[in-house]
Amino acid sequence: MNIRRGKGQEASELSELAYRSKAYWGYSDEFMKACRDDLTLSSAYIETQEVYVLEDEGSIKGFMSLEKDAEQEQWLLGYLFMEPEAVGKVTERLCGSIWWRWHKSWISQSSPSTATRTQNRFTCREGQSA
């Protein structure tokens, strides 16, 4: 498995993955139609946010994003979606690996107090999503 940054040209593929992943949980067709816009990523979003993709043998199995909340000086989990066959199997690995890689590179650019608040917030959000 490989974790890498998302690419703007993958917006459609990631949007469809998000839709499939959400539908996996048994929501009604009406609800899923109402969610379509919220599950649609733009190329601009992928290029400006921290979007990470999990690949296995050249196939995208999931993705997640982190969004900067400048007002609160913290990062929040934006999206976290996996292919239905991967749900519960690789989510924790994806979150943990991305968090560690991202945190190591970002921590060197931040004050320790900001980094600690950010880590605590993400850990809480990650725990709720897993």
N, C-alpha and C. Protein backbone atom coordinates (compact mmCIF):
# COMPACT_ATOMS: atom_id res chain seq x y z
N MET A 1 0.84 -1.18 0.00
CA MET A 1 0.00 0.00 0.00
C MET A 1 0.88 1.23 0.00
N ASN A 2 0.37 2.26 -0.65
CA ASN A 2 1.10 3.50 -0.80
C ASN A 2 0.19 4.66 -0.41
N ILE A 3 0.73 5.61 0.34
CA ILE A 3 0.01 6.83 0.68
C ILE A 3 0.71 7.98 0.00
N ARG A 4 -0.09 8.81 -0.69
CA ARG A 4 0.47 9.95 -1.41
C ARG A 4 -0.53 11.10 -1.40
N ARG A 5 -0.05 12.27 -1.81
CA ARG A 5 -0.93 13.43 -1.93
C ARG A 5 -1.91 13.21 -3.08
N GLY A 6 -3.13 13.70 -2.90
CA GLY A 6 -4.12 13.64 -3.95
C GLY A 6 -3.77 14.60 -5.07
N LYS A 7 -4.30 14.35 -6.26
CA LYS A 7 -4.07 15.17 -7.44
C LYS A 7 -5.39 15.77 -7.89
N GLY A 8 -5.33 17.01 -8.35
CA GLY A 8 -6.54 17.71 -8.80
C GLY A 8 -7.33 16.94 -9.84
N GLN A 9 -6.64 16.25 -10.73
CA GLN A 9 -7.33 15.51 -11.79
C GLN A 9 -8.06 14.28 -11.26
N GLU A 10 -7.90 13.96 -9.98
CA GLU A 10 -8.60 12.82 -9.39
C GLU A 10 -9.92 13.21 -8.73
N ALA A 11 -10.34 14.46 -8.90
CA ALA A 11 -11.55 14.95 -8.21
C ALA A 11 -12.76 14.08 -8.48
N SER A 12 -13.00 13.72 -9.71
CA SER A 12 -14.16 12.91 -10.05
C SER A 12 -14.07 11.52 -9.42
N GLU A 13 -12.90 10.90 -9.52
CA GLU A 13 -12.71 9.56 -8.97
C GLU A 13 -12.88 9.55 -7.45
N LEU A 14 -12.34 10.56 -6.78
CA LEU A 14 -12.46 10.63 -5.32
C LEU A 14 -13.90 10.94 -4.91
N SER A 15 -14.57 11.76 -5.68
CA SER A 15 -15.98 12.07 -5.39
C SER A 15 -16.84 10.83 -5.50
N GLU A 16 -16.62 10.03 -6.52
CA GLU A 16 -17.39 8.79 -6.68
C GLU A 16 -17.07 7.79 -5.57
N LEU A 17 -15.82 7.74 -5.16
CA LEU A 17 -15.43 6.88 -4.05
C LEU A 17 -16.16 7.31 -2.78
N ALA A 18 -16.20 8.62 -2.53
CA ALA A 18 -16.90 9.14 -1.35
C ALA A 18 -18.37 8.73 -1.38
N TYR A 19 -18.99 8.82 -2.55
CA TYR A 19 -20.40 8.46 -2.70
C TYR A 19 -20.61 6.97 -2.42
N ARG A 20 -19.78 6.13 -3.00
CA ARG A 20 -19.89 4.68 -2.77
C ARG A 20 -19.70 4.34 -1.29
N SER A 21 -18.73 4.98 -0.68
CA SER A 21 -18.42 4.72 0.72
C SER A 21 -19.59 5.13 1.61
N LYS A 22 -20.17 6.27 1.36
CA LYS A 22 -21.32 6.74 2.15
C LYS A 22 -22.51 5.79 1.95
N ALA A 23 -22.75 5.38 0.72
CA ALA A 23 -23.88 4.49 0.40
C ALA A 23 -23.73 3.13 1.07
N TYR A 24 -22.52 2.72 1.34
CA TYR A 24 -22.25 1.43 1.97
C TYR A 24 -23.03 1.27 3.28
N TRP A 25 -23.28 2.37 3.96
CA TRP A 25 -23.92 2.31 5.28
C TRP A 25 -25.44 2.21 5.20
N GLY A 26 -26.00 2.02 4.00
CA GLY A 26 -27.42 1.73 3.88
C GLY A 26 -28.36 2.92 3.85
N TYR A 27 -27.86 4.08 3.54
CA TYR A 27 -28.74 5.25 3.45
C TYR A 27 -29.70 5.10 2.27
N SER A 28 -30.84 5.77 2.37
CA SER A 28 -31.84 5.71 1.30
C SER A 28 -31.32 6.43 0.05
N ASP A 29 -31.93 6.10 -1.08
CA ASP A 29 -31.57 6.76 -2.34
C ASP A 29 -31.80 8.26 -2.26
N GLU A 30 -32.89 8.66 -1.62
CA GLU A 30 -33.20 10.09 -1.48
C GLU A 30 -32.13 10.80 -0.67
N PHE A 31 -31.71 10.19 0.42
CA PHE A 31 -30.67 10.79 1.25
C PHE A 31 -29.36 10.90 0.47
N MET A 32 -29.02 9.84 -0.24
CA MET A 32 -27.77 9.84 -1.00
C MET A 32 -27.79 10.92 -2.08
N LYS A 33 -28.92 11.10 -2.73
CA LYS A 33 -29.03 12.18 -3.74
C LYS A 33 -28.84 13.54 -3.09
N ALA A 34 -29.38 13.70 -1.89
CA ALA A 34 -29.23 14.97 -1.18
C ALA A 34 -27.79 15.22 -0.75
N CYS A 35 -27.02 14.16 -0.58
CA CYS A 35 -25.61 14.27 -0.15
C CYS A 35 -24.64 14.49 -1.31
N ARG A 36 -25.08 14.32 -2.52
CA ARG A 36 -24.17 14.32 -3.68
C ARG A 36 -23.24 15.53 -3.69
N ASP A 37 -23.78 16.72 -3.52
CA ASP A 37 -22.92 17.92 -3.56
C ASP A 37 -21.90 17.93 -2.43
N ASP A 38 -22.31 17.51 -1.25
CA ASP A 38 -21.39 17.48 -0.11
C ASP A 38 -20.27 16.46 -0.28
N LEU A 39 -20.51 15.47 -1.11
CA LEU A 39 -19.52 14.41 -1.33
C LEU A 39 -18.68 14.65 -2.59
N THR A 40 -18.87 15.80 -3.21
CA THR A 40 -18.16 16.12 -4.45
C THR A 40 -16.97 17.02 -4.15
N LEU A 41 -15.80 16.55 -4.51
CA LEU A 41 -14.56 17.32 -4.32
C LEU A 41 -14.23 18.03 -5.62
N SER A 42 -13.71 19.22 -5.51
CA SER A 42 -13.25 19.95 -6.68
C SER A 42 -11.74 19.79 -6.83
N SER A 43 -11.26 20.03 -8.02
CA SER A 43 -9.81 20.01 -8.24
C SER A 43 -9.12 21.03 -7.35
N ALA A 44 -9.75 22.19 -7.21
CA ALA A 44 -9.17 23.26 -6.38
C ALA A 44 -9.05 22.82 -4.93
N TYR A 45 -10.06 22.14 -4.41
CA TYR A 45 -10.00 21.65 -3.03
C TYR A 45 -8.82 20.71 -2.86
N ILE A 46 -8.69 19.77 -3.76
CA ILE A 46 -7.61 18.78 -3.66
C ILE A 46 -6.24 19.45 -3.74
N GLU A 47 -6.12 20.48 -4.56
CA GLU A 47 -4.85 21.15 -4.74
C GLU A 47 -4.50 22.11 -3.61
N THR A 48 -5.50 22.59 -2.85
CA THR A 48 -5.22 23.58 -1.81
C THR A 48 -5.31 23.03 -0.40
N GLN A 49 -5.90 21.87 -0.23
CA GLN A 49 -6.02 21.26 1.10
C GLN A 49 -5.04 20.09 1.21
N GLU A 50 -4.92 19.57 2.40
CA GLU A 50 -4.08 18.41 2.65
C GLU A 50 -4.92 17.16 2.35
N VAL A 51 -4.89 16.70 1.11
CA VAL A 51 -5.66 15.52 0.70
C VAL A 51 -4.67 14.39 0.44
N TYR A 52 -4.94 13.25 1.07
CA TYR A 52 -4.06 12.08 0.96
C TYR A 52 -4.86 10.90 0.46
N VAL A 53 -4.24 10.11 -0.41
CA VAL A 53 -4.86 8.98 -1.07
C VAL A 53 -4.13 7.70 -0.65
N LEU A 54 -4.90 6.66 -0.40
CA LEU A 54 -4.34 5.35 -0.12
C LEU A 54 -4.52 4.49 -1.37
N GLU A 55 -3.42 4.00 -1.91
CA GLU A 55 -3.44 3.15 -3.11
C GLU A 55 -2.98 1.75 -2.76
N ASP A 56 -3.54 0.78 -3.45
CA ASP A 56 -3.08 -0.59 -3.34
C ASP A 56 -3.03 -1.16 -4.74
N GLU A 57 -1.85 -1.55 -5.17
CA GLU A 57 -1.63 -2.09 -6.51
C GLU A 57 -2.20 -1.17 -7.59
N GLY A 58 -1.94 0.13 -7.44
CA GLY A 58 -2.35 1.12 -8.43
C GLY A 58 -3.80 1.54 -8.38
N SER A 59 -4.56 1.01 -7.45
CA SER A 59 -5.98 1.33 -7.32
C SER A 59 -6.21 2.13 -6.05
N ILE A 60 -6.98 3.21 -6.14
CA ILE A 60 -7.27 4.04 -4.97
C ILE A 60 -8.27 3.30 -4.08
N LYS A 61 -7.89 3.11 -2.83
CA LYS A 61 -8.74 2.41 -1.85
C LYS A 61 -9.40 3.34 -0.85
N GLY A 62 -8.89 4.56 -0.75
CA GLY A 62 -9.47 5.51 0.19
C GLY A 62 -8.75 6.84 0.14
N PHE A 63 -9.32 7.81 0.83
CA PHE A 63 -8.66 9.11 0.92
C PHE A 63 -9.15 9.83 2.17
N MET A 64 -8.38 10.81 2.57
CA MET A 64 -8.76 11.68 3.67
C MET A 64 -8.20 13.07 3.42
N SER A 65 -8.77 14.05 4.11
CA SER A 65 -8.24 15.40 4.00
C SER A 65 -8.20 16.05 5.37
N LEU A 66 -7.29 16.98 5.50
CA LEU A 66 -7.17 17.83 6.68
C LEU A 66 -7.41 19.25 6.23
N GLU A 67 -8.21 19.98 7.00
CA GLU A 67 -8.55 21.36 6.66
C GLU A 67 -8.07 22.28 7.77
N LYS A 68 -7.41 23.35 7.38
CA LYS A 68 -6.88 24.32 8.34
C LYS A 68 -7.99 25.24 8.82
N ASP A 69 -8.15 25.30 10.13
CA ASP A 69 -9.06 26.27 10.76
C ASP A 69 -8.16 27.37 11.32
N ALA A 70 -7.92 28.38 10.51
CA ALA A 70 -6.97 29.43 10.89
C ALA A 70 -7.43 30.19 12.13
N GLU A 71 -8.72 30.36 12.28
CA GLU A 71 -9.25 31.10 13.42
C GLU A 71 -8.93 30.39 14.74
N GLN A 72 -9.06 29.08 14.76
CA GLN A 72 -8.79 28.30 15.96
C GLN A 72 -7.36 27.77 16.01
N GLU A 73 -6.58 28.03 14.96
CA GLU A 73 -5.20 27.56 14.86
C GLU A 73 -5.11 26.04 15.05
N GLN A 74 -5.93 25.32 14.30
CA GLN A 74 -5.90 23.86 14.38
C GLN A 74 -6.30 23.27 13.04
N TRP A 75 -6.05 22.00 12.89
CA TRP A 75 -6.42 21.27 11.69
C TRP A 75 -7.57 20.34 12.04
N LEU A 76 -8.51 20.22 11.12
CA LEU A 76 -9.68 19.36 11.32
C LEU A 76 -9.75 18.31 10.22
N LEU A 77 -10.30 17.17 10.56
CA LEU A 77 -10.52 16.14 9.57
C LEU A 77 -11.65 16.59 8.66
N GLY A 78 -11.37 16.66 7.36
CA GLY A 78 -12.37 17.08 6.39
C GLY A 78 -13.13 15.89 5.84
N TYR A 79 -12.47 15.06 5.09
CA TYR A 79 -13.05 13.85 4.50
C TYR A 79 -12.29 12.64 4.98
N LEU A 80 -12.99 11.53 5.10
CA LEU A 80 -12.36 10.23 5.35
C LEU A 80 -13.28 9.18 4.75
N PHE A 81 -12.91 8.67 3.59
CA PHE A 81 -13.74 7.69 2.89
C PHE A 81 -12.87 6.56 2.37
N MET A 82 -13.42 5.35 2.46
CA MET A 82 -12.74 4.15 1.99
C MET A 82 -13.66 3.41 1.03
N GLU A 83 -13.06 2.66 0.11
CA GLU A 83 -13.87 1.77 -0.72
C GLU A 83 -14.62 0.82 0.21
N PRO A 84 -15.86 0.47 -0.11
CA PRO A 84 -16.63 -0.40 0.79
C PRO A 84 -15.90 -1.67 1.22
N GLU A 85 -15.19 -2.32 0.30
CA GLU A 85 -14.49 -3.56 0.69
C GLU A 85 -13.32 -3.30 1.63
N ALA A 86 -12.90 -2.05 1.78
CA ALA A 86 -11.77 -1.71 2.65
C ALA A 86 -12.22 -1.15 4.00
N VAL A 87 -13.51 -0.87 4.16
CA VAL A 87 -14.01 -0.29 5.40
C VAL A 87 -13.67 -1.23 6.56
N GLY A 88 -13.08 -0.66 7.60
CA GLY A 88 -12.73 -1.42 8.78
C GLY A 88 -11.44 -2.20 8.67
N LYS A 89 -10.83 -2.21 7.50
CA LYS A 89 -9.61 -2.98 7.31
C LYS A 89 -8.37 -2.10 7.26
N VAL A 90 -8.50 -0.93 6.64
CA VAL A 90 -7.31 -0.10 6.47
C VAL A 90 -7.48 1.33 6.98
N THR A 91 -8.64 1.68 7.50
CA THR A 91 -8.88 3.05 7.94
C THR A 91 -7.88 3.49 8.98
N GLU A 92 -7.66 2.67 9.99
CA GLU A 92 -6.74 3.05 11.06
C GLU A 92 -5.32 3.21 10.53
N ARG A 93 -4.92 2.34 9.62
CA ARG A 93 -3.59 2.44 9.03
C ARG A 93 -3.45 3.74 8.25
N LEU A 94 -4.49 4.08 7.47
CA LEU A 94 -4.47 5.30 6.69
C LEU A 94 -4.36 6.52 7.60
N CYS A 95 -5.22 6.60 8.60
CA CYS A 95 -5.20 7.74 9.52
C CYS A 95 -3.87 7.86 10.24
N GLY A 96 -3.42 6.75 10.79
CA GLY A 96 -2.18 6.78 11.55
C GLY A 96 -0.98 7.14 10.70
N SER A 97 -0.86 6.56 9.54
CA SER A 97 0.28 6.84 8.67
C SER A 97 0.28 8.27 8.18
N ILE A 98 -0.87 8.76 7.77
CA ILE A 98 -0.94 10.13 7.28
C ILE A 98 -0.69 11.10 8.41
N TRP A 99 -1.32 10.86 9.55
CA TRP A 99 -1.10 11.76 10.68
C TRP A 99 0.37 11.83 11.02
N TRP A 100 1.05 10.71 11.11
CA TRP A 100 2.45 10.71 11.49
C TRP A 100 3.30 11.44 10.47
N ARG A 101 3.12 11.16 9.19
CA ARG A 101 3.91 11.83 8.15
C ARG A 101 3.65 13.32 8.13
N TRP A 102 2.38 13.69 8.18
CA TRP A 102 2.01 15.10 8.11
C TRP A 102 2.49 15.82 9.35
N HIS A 103 2.29 15.23 10.52
CA HIS A 103 2.65 15.85 11.78
C HIS A 103 4.15 16.09 11.87
N LYS A 104 4.94 15.11 11.43
CA LYS A 104 6.40 15.27 11.47
C LYS A 104 6.85 16.44 10.61
N SER A 105 6.26 16.61 9.44
CA SER A 105 6.69 17.71 8.58
C SER A 105 6.15 19.05 9.06
N TRP A 106 4.94 19.06 9.62
CA TRP A 106 4.32 20.31 10.04
C TRP A 106 4.87 20.80 11.36
N ILE A 107 5.21 19.88 12.27
CA ILE A 107 5.64 20.26 13.61
C ILE A 107 6.88 21.14 13.57
N SER A 108 7.73 20.93 12.60
CA SER A 108 8.95 21.72 12.54
C SER A 108 8.66 23.17 12.16
N GLN A 109 7.46 23.44 11.66
CA GLN A 109 7.09 24.79 11.24
C GLN A 109 6.15 25.46 12.24
N SER A 110 5.85 24.83 13.38
CA SER A 110 4.86 25.33 14.32
C SER A 110 5.45 25.47 15.71
N SER A 111 4.76 26.26 16.51
CA SER A 111 5.15 26.34 17.91
C SER A 111 4.69 25.07 18.62
N PRO A 112 5.39 24.63 19.65
CA PRO A 112 5.00 23.40 20.36
C PRO A 112 3.58 23.45 20.89
N SER A 113 3.13 24.60 21.40
CA SER A 113 1.77 24.65 21.96
C SER A 113 0.73 24.49 20.87
N THR A 114 0.95 25.08 19.71
CA THR A 114 0.01 24.92 18.60
C THR A 114 -0.02 23.48 18.13
N ALA A 115 1.14 22.87 18.03
CA ALA A 115 1.21 21.48 17.57
C ALA A 115 0.49 20.55 18.53
N THR A 116 0.63 20.78 19.83
CA THR A 116 -0.03 19.94 20.82
C THR A 116 -1.54 20.07 20.72
N ARG A 117 -2.04 21.31 20.60
CA ARG A 117 -3.49 21.51 20.45
C ARG A 117 -3.98 20.84 19.18
N THR A 118 -3.23 20.95 18.11
CA THR A 118 -3.63 20.34 16.85
C THR A 118 -3.67 18.83 16.98
N GLN A 119 -2.65 18.24 17.57
CA GLN A 119 -2.61 16.79 17.72
C GLN A 119 -3.78 16.31 18.57
N ASN A 120 -4.07 16.98 19.66
CA ASN A 120 -5.17 16.57 20.52
C ASN A 120 -6.50 16.64 19.79
N ARG A 121 -6.72 17.68 19.01
CA ARG A 121 -7.97 17.83 18.28
C ARG A 121 -8.11 16.73 17.23
N PHE A 122 -7.06 16.48 16.47
CA PHE A 122 -7.13 15.46 15.43
C PHE A 122 -7.33 14.09 16.04
N THR A 123 -6.64 13.80 17.12
CA THR A 123 -6.77 12.50 17.75
C THR A 123 -8.21 12.26 18.16
N CYS A 124 -8.84 13.26 18.71
CA CYS A 124 -10.24 13.14 19.12
C CYS A 124 -11.12 12.87 17.89
N ARG A 125 -10.94 13.66 16.85
CA ARG A 125 -11.75 13.49 15.65
C ARG A 125 -11.49 12.12 15.03
N GLU A 126 -10.24 11.71 14.99
CA GLU A 126 -9.90 10.41 14.39
C GLU A 126 -10.58 9.30 15.18
N GLY A 127 -10.54 9.40 16.51
CA GLY A 127 -11.17 8.38 17.35
C GLY A 127 -12.67 8.28 17.10
N GLN A 128 -13.31 9.40 16.82
CA GLN A 128 -14.74 9.39 16.55
C GLN A 128 -15.05 8.77 15.20
N SER A 129 -14.14 8.87 14.27
CA SER A 129 -14.39 8.39 12.92
C SER A 129 -14.06 6.92 12.75
N ALA A 130 -13.14 6.41 13.55
CA ALA A 130 -12.67 5.03 13.36
C ALA A 130 -13.69 4.01 13.80
